[in-house]
Amino acid sequence: MEMFLLVSEQLLMMLILMAVGFILSKRKIIPENAGTVVSKLENYVFAPALIWLPNLIIVP
């Protein structure tokens, strides 16, 4: 039951974020090329940071 609740919470959060993105794009609040920009940020900034950041943190 715990696993079901955990997955349900994460799924609900993902659906909420998808709905917010959909509404923002329909109202033209975010530009047409936002997907391309976010994709490049993910590939060149966020993914490398996830790889290197844990190695840079020094735990006493």
Protein backbone atom coordinates (compact mmCIF):
# COMPACT_ATOMS: atom_id res chain seq x y z
CA MET A 1 0.00 0.00 0.00
CA GLU A 2 2.88 2.36 0.76
CA MET A 3 4.32 1.84 -2.70
CA PHE A 4 0.96 2.59 -4.30
CA LEU A 5 0.68 5.90 -2.42
CA LEU A 6 4.24 6.88 -3.30
CA VAL A 7 3.73 6.18 -6.99
CA SER A 8 0.32 7.87 -6.96
CA GLU A 9 1.78 11.07 -5.47
CA GLN A 10 4.55 11.17 -8.05
CA LEU A 11 2.13 10.47 -10.89
CA LEU A 12 -0.22 13.19 -9.68
CA MET A 13 2.64 15.69 -9.52
CA MET A 14 3.69 14.79 -13.07
CA LEU A 15 0.13 15.21 -14.35
CA ILE A 16 -0.17 18.60 -12.64
CA LEU A 17 3.08 19.78 -14.21
CA MET A 18 1.92 18.53 -17.62
CA ALA A 19 -1.37 20.41 -17.23
CA VAL A 20 0.44 23.61 -16.24
CA GLY A 21 2.72 23.30 -19.27
CA PHE A 22 -0.23 22.67 -21.56
CA ILE A 23 -2.14 25.68 -20.25
CA LEU A 24 0.92 27.94 -20.50
CA SER A 25 1.54 26.89 -24.08
CA LYS A 26 -2.10 27.33 -25.11
CA ARG A 27 -2.19 30.83 -23.63
CA LYS A 28 1.09 31.65 -25.45
CA ILE A 29 2.84 32.48 -22.18
CA ILE A 30 5.81 30.31 -23.12
CA PRO A 31 7.33 30.59 -26.62
CA GLU A 32 6.99 27.99 -29.36
CA ASN A 33 10.64 26.91 -29.08
CA ALA A 34 10.51 26.36 -25.32
CA GLY A 35 10.78 22.59 -25.77
CA THR A 36 14.02 22.96 -27.71
CA VAL A 37 15.50 25.31 -25.13
CA VAL A 38 14.55 23.04 -22.20
CA SER A 39 15.91 20.00 -24.05
CA LYS A 40 19.27 21.69 -24.64
CA LEU A 41 19.41 22.81 -20.99
CA GLU A 42 18.72 19.27 -19.87
CA ASN A 43 21.39 17.73 -22.08
CA TYR A 44 24.13 20.30 -21.54
CA VAL A 45 23.52 21.53 -17.97
CA PHE A 46 21.23 19.40 -15.82
CA ALA A 47 22.36 15.88 -16.79
CA PRO A 48 26.09 16.63 -16.36
CA ALA A 49 25.33 18.34 -13.04
CA LEU A 50 23.55 15.21 -11.82
CA ILE A 51 26.64 13.18 -12.72
CA TRP A 52 29.30 15.47 -11.27
CA LEU A 53 27.60 17.15 -8.31
CA PRO A 54 27.48 14.07 -6.03
CA ASN A 55 31.21 13.57 -6.61
CA LEU A 56 32.01 17.15 -5.61
CA ILE A 57 30.15 17.09 -2.29
CA ILE A 58 32.47 16.27 0.58
CA VAL A 59 30.79 14.45 3.46
CA PRO A 60 32.59 14.83 6.81
